[in-house]
Amino acid sequence: MRGGSPAVTCPRCEPLSRENEALQQELEKLRKQAAAQKDENARLREGFLEAHRAAKRQAAPFSKGPRKPIRSVPVASPARTTG
């Protein structure tokens, strides 16, 4: 009987059946792992592209060094009256 569980288990088939089950479980685990890696890859790719786009649009020009101090304008003293 192919495709189903045989009513009587063959002694030679039992180890192969266990190996097949283990391989099926490993395959399922690897498929889940591959799907998770694809999701992470897409997330990282989107983050990279966003950073790449942000680098191209500068909000302000680059600074050319520290700012110069603002000079204070001397305040004129009140006029003296001579009298």
PDB file of N, CA and C in Angstrom:
ATOM      1  N   MET A   1       0.842  -1.174   0.000  1.00  0.00           N
ATOM      2  CA  MET A   1       0.000   0.000   0.000  1.00  0.00           C
ATOM      3  C   MET A   1       0.884   1.232   0.000  1.00  0.00           C
ATOM      4  N   ARG A   2       0.867   1.981  -1.085  1.00  0.00           N
ATOM      5  CA  ARG A   2       1.705   3.167  -1.205  1.00  0.00           C
ATOM      6  C   ARG A   2       0.904   4.406  -0.843  1.00  0.00           C
ATOM      7  N   GLY A   3       1.653   5.421  -0.262  1.00  0.00           N
ATOM      8  CA  GLY A   3       1.038   6.701   0.012  1.00  0.00           C
ATOM      9  C   GLY A   3       0.376   6.786   1.373  1.00  0.00           C
ATOM     10  N   GLY A   4       0.067   5.689   1.995  1.00  0.00           N
ATOM     11  CA  GLY A   4      -0.571   5.713   3.304  1.00  0.00           C
ATOM     12  C   GLY A   4       0.242   4.923   4.302  1.00  0.00           C
ATOM     13  N   SER A   5      -0.248   4.844   5.519  1.00  0.00           N
ATOM     14  CA  SER A   5       0.431   4.059   6.533  1.00  0.00           C
ATOM     15  C   SER A   5       0.065   2.598   6.333  1.00  0.00           C
ATOM     16  N   PRO A   6       1.065   1.756   6.191  1.00  0.00           N
ATOM     17  CA  PRO A   6       0.750   0.339   6.036  1.00  0.00           C
ATOM     18  C   PRO A   6       0.229  -0.220   7.357  1.00  0.00           C
ATOM     19  N   ALA A   7      -0.681  -1.180   7.254  1.00  0.00           N
ATOM     20  CA  ALA A   7      -1.256  -1.781   8.450  1.00  0.00           C
ATOM     21  C   ALA A   7      -0.180  -2.542   9.215  1.00  0.00           C
ATOM     22  N   VAL A   8       0.695  -3.217   8.523  1.00  0.00           N
ATOM     23  CA  VAL A   8       1.790  -3.946   9.147  1.00  0.00           C
ATOM     24  C   VAL A   8       3.074  -3.226   8.749  1.00  0.00           C
ATOM     25  N   THR A   9       3.883  -2.883   9.757  1.00  0.00           N
ATOM     26  CA  THR A   9       5.095  -2.138   9.491  1.00  0.00           C
ATOM     27  C   THR A   9       6.239  -3.082   9.191  1.00  0.00           C
ATOM     28  N   CYS A  10       6.900  -2.814   8.118  1.00  0.00           N
ATOM     29  CA  CYS A  10       8.047  -3.596   7.692  1.00  0.00           C
ATOM     30  C   CYS A  10       9.248  -3.185   8.550  1.00  0.00           C
ATOM     31  N   PRO A  11      10.054  -4.100   9.059  1.00  0.00           N
ATOM     32  CA  PRO A  11      11.193  -3.735   9.897  1.00  0.00           C
ATOM     33  C   PRO A  11      12.227  -2.889   9.155  1.00  0.00           C
ATOM     34  N   ARG A  12      12.338  -3.050   7.864  1.00  0.00           N
ATOM     35  CA  ARG A  12      13.291  -2.241   7.097  1.00  0.00           C
ATOM     36  C   ARG A  12      12.740  -0.849   6.824  1.00  0.00           C
ATOM     37  N   CYS A  13      11.421  -0.723   6.830  1.00  0.00           N
ATOM     38  CA  CYS A  13      10.787   0.563   6.516  1.00  0.00           C
ATOM     39  C   CYS A  13      10.751   1.493   7.729  1.00  0.00           C
ATOM     40  N   GLU A  14      10.768   0.959   8.919  1.00  0.00           N
ATOM     41  CA  GLU A  14      10.639   1.776  10.129  1.00  0.00           C
ATOM     42  C   GLU A  14      11.752   2.833  10.241  1.00  0.00           C
ATOM     43  N   PRO A  15      13.052   2.472  10.085  1.00  0.00           N
ATOM     44  CA  PRO A  15      14.096   3.513  10.164  1.00  0.00           C
ATOM     45  C   PRO A  15      13.944   4.570   9.067  1.00  0.00           C
ATOM     46  N   LEU A  16      13.521   4.118   7.878  1.00  0.00           N
ATOM     47  CA  LEU A  16      13.335   5.070   6.782  1.00  0.00           C
ATOM     48  C   LEU A  16      12.164   6.010   7.066  1.00  0.00           C
ATOM     49  N   SER A  17      11.141   5.470   7.674  1.00  0.00           N
ATOM     50  CA  SER A  17       9.978   6.277   8.031  1.00  0.00           C
ATOM     51  C   SER A  17      10.362   7.342   9.067  1.00  0.00           C
ATOM     52  N   ARG A  18      11.151   6.946  10.076  1.00  0.00           N
ATOM     53  CA  ARG A  18      11.609   7.909  11.094  1.00  0.00           C
ATOM     54  C   ARG A  18      12.499   8.982  10.465  1.00  0.00           C
ATOM     55  N   GLU A  19      13.390   8.551   9.564  1.00  0.00           N
ATOM     56  CA  GLU A  19      14.279   9.506   8.897  1.00  0.00           C
ATOM     57  C   GLU A  19      13.465  10.477   8.032  1.00  0.00           C
ATOM     58  N   ASN A  20      12.469   9.940   7.345  1.00  0.00           N
ATOM     59  CA  ASN A  20      11.610  10.778   6.518  1.00  0.00           C
ATOM     60  C   ASN A  20      10.894  11.823   7.378  1.00  0.00           C
ATOM     61  N   GLU A  21      10.373  11.423   8.513  1.00  0.00           N
ATOM     62  CA  GLU A  21       9.682  12.351   9.415  1.00  0.00           C
ATOM     63  C   GLU A  21      10.634  13.432   9.913  1.00  0.00           C
ATOM     64  N   ALA A  22      11.854  13.034  10.285  1.00  0.00           N
ATOM     65  CA  ALA A  22      12.845  14.002  10.758  1.00  0.00           C
ATOM     66  C   ALA A  22      13.204  14.991   9.646  1.00  0.00           C
ATOM     67  N   LEU A  23      13.348  14.492   8.435  1.00  0.00           N
ATOM     68  CA  LEU A  23      13.679  15.366   7.312  1.00  0.00           C
ATOM     69  C   LEU A  23      12.528  16.320   6.992  1.00  0.00           C
ATOM     70  N   GLN A  24      11.297  15.823   7.110  1.00  0.00           N
ATOM     71  CA  GLN A  24      10.134  16.691   6.886  1.00  0.00           C
ATOM     72  C   GLN A  24      10.098  17.827   7.920  1.00  0.00           C
ATOM     73  N   GLN A  25      10.397  17.495   9.177  1.00  0.00           N
ATOM     74  CA  GLN A  25      10.416  18.520  10.227  1.00  0.00           C
ATOM     75  C   GLN A  25      11.529  19.534   9.973  1.00  0.00           C
ATOM     76  N   GLU A  26      12.702  19.028   9.569  1.00  0.00           N
ATOM     77  CA  GLU A  26      13.823  19.929   9.282  1.00  0.00           C
ATOM     78  C   GLU A  26      13.486  20.834   8.093  1.00  0.00           C
ATOM     79  N   LEU A  27      12.836  20.277   7.080  1.00  0.00           N
ATOM     80  CA  LEU A  27      12.443  21.062   5.913  1.00  0.00           C
ATOM     81  C   LEU A  27      11.487  22.180   6.315  1.00  0.00           C
ATOM     82  N   GLU A  28      10.528  21.878   7.153  1.00  0.00           N
ATOM     83  CA  GLU A  28       9.564  22.882   7.614  1.00  0.00           C
ATOM     84  C   GLU A  28      10.278  23.983   8.414  1.00  0.00           C
ATOM     85  N   LYS A  29      11.220  23.571   9.263  1.00  0.00           N
ATOM     86  CA  LYS A  29      11.986  24.546  10.048  1.00  0.00           C
ATOM     87  C   LYS A  29      12.798  25.455   9.121  1.00  0.00           C
ATOM     88  N   LEU A  30      13.423  24.875   8.107  1.00  0.00           N
ATOM     89  CA  LEU A  30      14.226  25.672   7.168  1.00  0.00           C
ATOM     90  C   LEU A  30      13.354  26.604   6.331  1.00  0.00           C
ATOM     91  N   ARG A  31      12.160  26.156   5.979  1.00  0.00           N
ATOM     92  CA  ARG A  31      11.245  27.026   5.234  1.00  0.00           C
ATOM     93  C   ARG A  31      10.840  28.238   6.067  1.00  0.00           C
ATOM     94  N   LYS A  32      10.551  28.003   7.354  1.00  0.00           N
ATOM     95  CA  LYS A  32      10.200  29.114   8.244  1.00  0.00           C
ATOM     96  C   LYS A  32      11.384  30.061   8.407  1.00  0.00           C
ATOM     97  N   GLN A  33      12.570  29.496   8.547  1.00  0.00           N
ATOM     98  CA  GLN A  33      13.781  30.304   8.691  1.00  0.00           C
ATOM     99  C   GLN A  33      14.020  31.136   7.429  1.00  0.00           C
ATOM    100  N   ALA A  34      13.827  30.543   6.263  1.00  0.00           N
ATOM    101  CA  ALA A  34      14.018  31.267   4.998  1.00  0.00           C
ATOM    102  C   ALA A  34      13.008  32.405   4.875  1.00  0.00           C
ATOM    103  N   ALA A  35      11.759  32.153   5.277  1.00  0.00           N
ATOM    104  CA  ALA A  35      10.736  33.199   5.218  1.00  0.00           C
ATOM    105  C   ALA A  35      11.093  34.346   6.163  1.00  0.00           C
ATOM    106  N   ALA A  36      11.584  34.023   7.358  1.00  0.00           N
ATOM    107  CA  ALA A  36      11.976  35.062   8.313  1.00  0.00           C
ATOM    108  C   ALA A  36      13.151  35.873   7.766  1.00  0.00           C
ATOM    109  N   GLN A  37      14.094  35.209   7.129  1.00  0.00           N
ATOM    110  CA  GLN A  37      15.241  35.918   6.556  1.00  0.00           C
ATOM    111  C   GLN A  37      14.814  36.796   5.387  1.00  0.00           C
ATOM    112  N   LYS A  38      13.848  36.358   4.601  1.00  0.00           N
ATOM    113  CA  LYS A  38      13.339  37.185   3.503  1.00  0.00           C
ATOM    114  C   LYS A  38      12.673  38.437   4.061  1.00  0.00           C
ATOM    115  N   ASP A  39      11.914  38.273   5.143  1.00  0.00           N
ATOM    116  CA  ASP A  39      11.264  39.426   5.776  1.00  0.00           C
ATOM    117  C   ASP A  39      12.303  40.408   6.305  1.00  0.00           C
ATOM    118  N   GLU A  40      13.324  39.872   6.979  1.00  0.00           N
ATOM    119  CA  GLU A  40      14.374  40.735   7.524  1.00  0.00           C
ATOM    120  C   GLU A  40      15.133  41.427   6.395  1.00  0.00           C
ATOM    121  N   ASN A  41      15.399  40.710   5.324  1.00  0.00           N
ATOM    122  CA  ASN A  41      16.091  41.286   4.176  1.00  0.00           C
ATOM    123  C   ASN A  41      15.287  42.455   3.604  1.00  0.00           C
ATOM    124  N   ALA A  42      13.985  42.280   3.457  1.00  0.00           N
ATOM    125  CA  ALA A  42      13.126  43.342   2.932  1.00  0.00           C
ATOM    126  C   ALA A  42      13.132  44.547   3.868  1.00  0.00           C
ATOM    127  N   ARG A  43      13.080  44.293   5.185  1.00  0.00           N
ATOM    128  CA  ARG A  43      13.090  45.383   6.169  1.00  0.00           C
ATOM    129  C   ARG A  43      14.405  46.143   6.113  1.00  0.00           C
ATOM    130  N   LEU A  44      15.514  45.423   6.064  1.00  0.00           N
ATOM    131  CA  LEU A  44      16.825  46.075   6.008  1.00  0.00           C
ATOM    132  C   LEU A  44      17.021  46.817   4.692  1.00  0.00           C
ATOM    133  N   ARG A  45      16.542  46.241   3.611  1.00  0.00           N
ATOM    134  CA  ARG A  45      16.659  46.900   2.301  1.00  0.00           C
ATOM    135  C   ARG A  45      15.886  48.216   2.311  1.00  0.00           C
ATOM    136  N   GLU A  46      14.679  48.211   2.873  1.00  0.00           N
ATOM    137  CA  GLU A  46      13.878  49.435   2.948  1.00  0.00           C
ATOM    138  C   GLU A  46      14.572  50.482   3.817  1.00  0.00           C
ATOM    139  N   GLY A  47      15.161  50.046   4.930  1.00  0.00           N
ATOM    140  CA  GLY A  47      15.902  50.985   5.780  1.00  0.00           C
ATOM    141  C   GLY A  47      17.094  51.573   5.052  1.00  0.00           C
ATOM    142  N   PHE A  48      17.782  50.745   4.284  1.00  0.00           N
ATOM    143  CA  PHE A  48      18.933  51.224   3.520  1.00  0.00           C
ATOM    144  C   PHE A  48      18.495  52.245   2.482  1.00  0.00           C
ATOM    145  N   LEU A  49      17.423  51.938   1.753  1.00  0.00           N
ATOM    146  CA  LEU A  49      16.953  52.856   0.718  1.00  0.00           C
ATOM    147  C   LEU A  49      16.485  54.177   1.330  1.00  0.00           C
ATOM    148  N   GLU A  50      15.836  54.115   2.475  1.00  0.00           N
ATOM    149  CA  GLU A  50      15.392  55.335   3.154  1.00  0.00           C
ATOM    150  C   GLU A  50      16.589  56.183   3.564  1.00  0.00           C
ATOM    151  N   ALA A  51      17.617  55.543   4.102  1.00  0.00           N
ATOM    152  CA  ALA A  51      18.823  56.275   4.490  1.00  0.00           C
ATOM    153  C   ALA A  51      19.508  56.862   3.260  1.00  0.00           C
ATOM    154  N   HIS A  52      19.504  56.119   2.175  1.00  0.00           N
ATOM    155  CA  HIS A  52      20.121  56.592   0.935  1.00  0.00           C
ATOM    156  C   HIS A  52      19.374  57.822   0.401  1.00  0.00           C
ATOM    157  N   ARG A  53      18.041  57.772   0.451  1.00  0.00           N
ATOM    158  CA  ARG A  53      17.251  58.926   0.000  1.00  0.00           C
ATOM    159  C   ARG A  53      17.468  60.121   0.927  1.00  0.00           C
ATOM    160  N   ALA A  54      17.541  59.872   2.225  1.00  0.00           N
ATOM    161  CA  ALA A  54      17.720  60.964   3.187  1.00  0.00           C
ATOM    162  C   ALA A  54      19.080  61.625   3.004  1.00  0.00           C
ATOM    163  N   ALA A  55      20.081  60.859   2.618  1.00  0.00           N
ATOM    164  CA  ALA A  55      21.412  61.427   2.427  1.00  0.00           C
ATOM    165  C   ALA A  55      21.439  62.368   1.229  1.00  0.00           C
ATOM    166  N   LYS A  56      20.550  62.167   0.292  1.00  0.00           N
ATOM    167  CA  LYS A  56      20.542  63.003  -0.907  1.00  0.00           C
ATOM    168  C   LYS A  56      19.842  64.336  -0.684  1.00  0.00           C
ATOM    169  N   ARG A  57      18.981  64.421   0.303  1.00  0.00           N
ATOM    170  CA  ARG A  57      18.294  65.690   0.551  1.00  0.00           C
ATOM    171  C   ARG A  57      18.807  66.275   1.867  1.00  0.00           C
ATOM    172  N   GLN A  58      19.589  67.299   1.741  1.00  0.00           N
ATOM    173  CA  GLN A  58      20.167  67.957   2.910  1.00  0.00           C
ATOM    174  C   GLN A  58      19.222  69.059   3.370  1.00  0.00           C
ATOM    175  N   ALA A  59      19.016  69.148   4.651  1.00  0.00           N
ATOM    176  CA  ALA A  59      18.154  70.182   5.195  1.00  0.00           C
ATOM    177  C   ALA A  59      18.889  71.517   5.250  1.00  0.00           C
ATOM    178  N   ALA A  60      20.178  71.479   5.470  1.00  0.00           N
ATOM    179  CA  ALA A  60      20.965  72.702   5.569  1.00  0.00           C
ATOM    180  C   ALA A  60      22.331  72.427   4.966  1.00  0.00           C
ATOM    181  N   PRO A  61      22.999  73.476   4.511  1.00  0.00           N
ATOM    182  CA  PRO A  61      24.338  73.260   3.962  1.00  0.00           C
ATOM    183  C   PRO A  61      25.308  72.854   5.056  1.00  0.00           C
ATOM    184  N   PHE A  62      26.391  72.269   4.620  1.00  0.00           N
ATOM    185  CA  PHE A  62      27.398  71.852   5.574  1.00  0.00           C
ATOM    186  C   PHE A  62      28.029  73.069   6.228  1.00  0.00           C
ATOM    187  N   SER A  63      28.384  72.938   7.475  1.00  0.00           N
ATOM    188  CA  SER A  63      29.064  74.015   8.201  1.00  0.00           C
ATOM    189  C   SER A  63      30.508  74.075   7.742  1.00  0.00           C
ATOM    190  N   LYS A  64      31.057  75.262   7.675  1.00  0.00           N
ATOM    191  CA  LYS A  64      32.449  75.431   7.265  1.00  0.00           C
ATOM    192  C   LYS A  64      33.319  75.782   8.456  1.00  0.00           C
ATOM    193  N   GLY A  65      32.948  75.315   9.594  1.00  0.00           N
ATOM    194  CA  GLY A  65      33.745  75.577  10.786  1.00  0.00           C
ATOM    195  C   GLY A  65      32.896  76.245  11.858  1.00  0.00           C
ATOM    196  N   PRO A  66      33.526  76.596  12.966  1.00  0.00           N
ATOM    197  CA  PRO A  66      32.756  77.215  14.047  1.00  0.00           C
ATOM    198  C   PRO A  66      32.292  78.616  13.651  1.00  0.00           C
ATOM    199  N   ARG A  67      31.175  79.030  14.218  1.00  0.00           N
ATOM    200  CA  ARG A  67      30.638  80.354  13.919  1.00  0.00           C
ATOM    201  C   ARG A  67      31.533  81.445  14.488  1.00  0.00           C
ATOM    202  N   LYS A  68      31.551  82.565  13.810  1.00  0.00           N
ATOM    203  CA  LYS A  68      32.295  83.718  14.297  1.00  0.00           C
ATOM    204  C   LYS A  68      31.456  84.401  15.366  1.00  0.00           C
ATOM    205  N   PRO A  69      32.111  84.940  16.383  1.00  0.00           N
ATOM    206  CA  PRO A  69      31.329  85.631  17.427  1.00  0.00           C
ATOM    207  C   PRO A  69      30.663  86.884  16.848  1.00  0.00           C
ATOM    208  N   ILE A  70      29.503  87.168  17.355  1.00  0.00           N
ATOM    209  CA  ILE A  70      28.777  88.349  16.909  1.00  0.00           C
ATOM    210  C   ILE A  70      29.416  89.564  17.578  1.00  0.00           C
ATOM    211  N   ARG A  71      29.773  90.563  16.774  1.00  0.00           N
ATOM    212  CA  ARG A  71      30.381  91.779  17.331  1.00  0.00           C
ATOM    213  C   ARG A  71      29.285  92.634  17.940  1.00  0.00           C
ATOM    214  N   SER A  72      29.580  93.111  19.113  1.00  0.00           N
ATOM    215  CA  SER A  72      28.596  93.990  19.725  1.00  0.00           C
ATOM    216  C   SER A  72      28.869  95.412  19.256  1.00  0.00           C
ATOM    217  N   VAL A  73      27.816  96.116  18.987  1.00  0.00           N
ATOM    218  CA  VAL A  73      27.921  97.505  18.526  1.00  0.00           C
ATOM    219  C   VAL A  73      28.053  98.374  19.765  1.00  0.00           C
ATOM    220  N   PRO A  74      29.088  99.232  19.812  1.00  0.00           N
ATOM    221  CA  PRO A  74      29.225 100.074  21.011  1.00  0.00           C
ATOM    222  C   PRO A  74      28.026 101.002  21.147  1.00  0.00           C
ATOM    223  N   VAL A  75      27.575 101.113  22.361  1.00  0.00           N
ATOM    224  CA  VAL A  75      26.414 101.958  22.636  1.00  0.00           C
ATOM    225  C   VAL A  75      26.927 103.386  22.812  1.00  0.00           C
ATOM    226  N   ALA A  76      26.269 104.322  22.164  1.00  0.00           N
ATOM    227  CA  ALA A  76      26.671 105.732  22.275  1.00  0.00           C
ATOM    228  C   ALA A  76      26.334 106.243  23.675  1.00  0.00           C
ATOM    229  N   SER A  77      27.299 106.944  24.267  1.00  0.00           N
ATOM    230  CA  SER A  77      27.053 107.488  25.604  1.00  0.00           C
ATOM    231  C   SER A  77      26.170 108.719  25.480  1.00  0.00           C
ATOM    232  N   PRO A  78      25.400 109.035  26.510  1.00  0.00           N
ATOM    233  CA  PRO A  78      24.506 110.209  26.438  1.00  0.00           C
ATOM    234  C   PRO A  78      25.317 111.491  26.255  1.00  0.00           C
ATOM    235  N   ALA A  79      24.762 112.412  25.559  1.00  0.00           N
ATOM    236  CA  ALA A  79      25.433 113.680  25.272  1.00  0.00           C
ATOM    237  C   ALA A  79      25.617 114.455  26.577  1.00  0.00           C
ATOM    238  N   ARG A  80      26.823 115.001  26.754  1.00  0.00           N
ATOM    239  CA  ARG A  80      27.103 115.788  27.942  1.00  0.00           C
ATOM    240  C   ARG A  80      26.805 117.256  27.641  1.00  0.00           C
ATOM    241  N   THR A  81      26.261 117.839  28.569  1.00  0.00           N
ATOM    242  CA  THR A  81      26.008 119.257  28.399  1.00  0.00           C
ATOM    243  C   THR A  81      27.089 120.057  29.118  1.00  0.00           C
ATOM    244  N   THR A  82      27.643 120.987  28.453  1.00  0.00           N
ATOM    245  CA  THR A  82      28.650 121.829  29.086  1.00  0.00           C
ATOM    246  C   THR A  82      28.005 123.197  29.324  1.00  0.00           C
ATOM    247  N   GLY A  83      28.123 123.669  30.449  1.00  0.00           N
ATOM    248  CA  GLY A  83      27.402 124.869  30.671  1.00  0.00           C
ATOM    249  C   GLY A  83      27.814 125.857  31.521  1.00  0.00           C
TER     250      GLY A  83
END
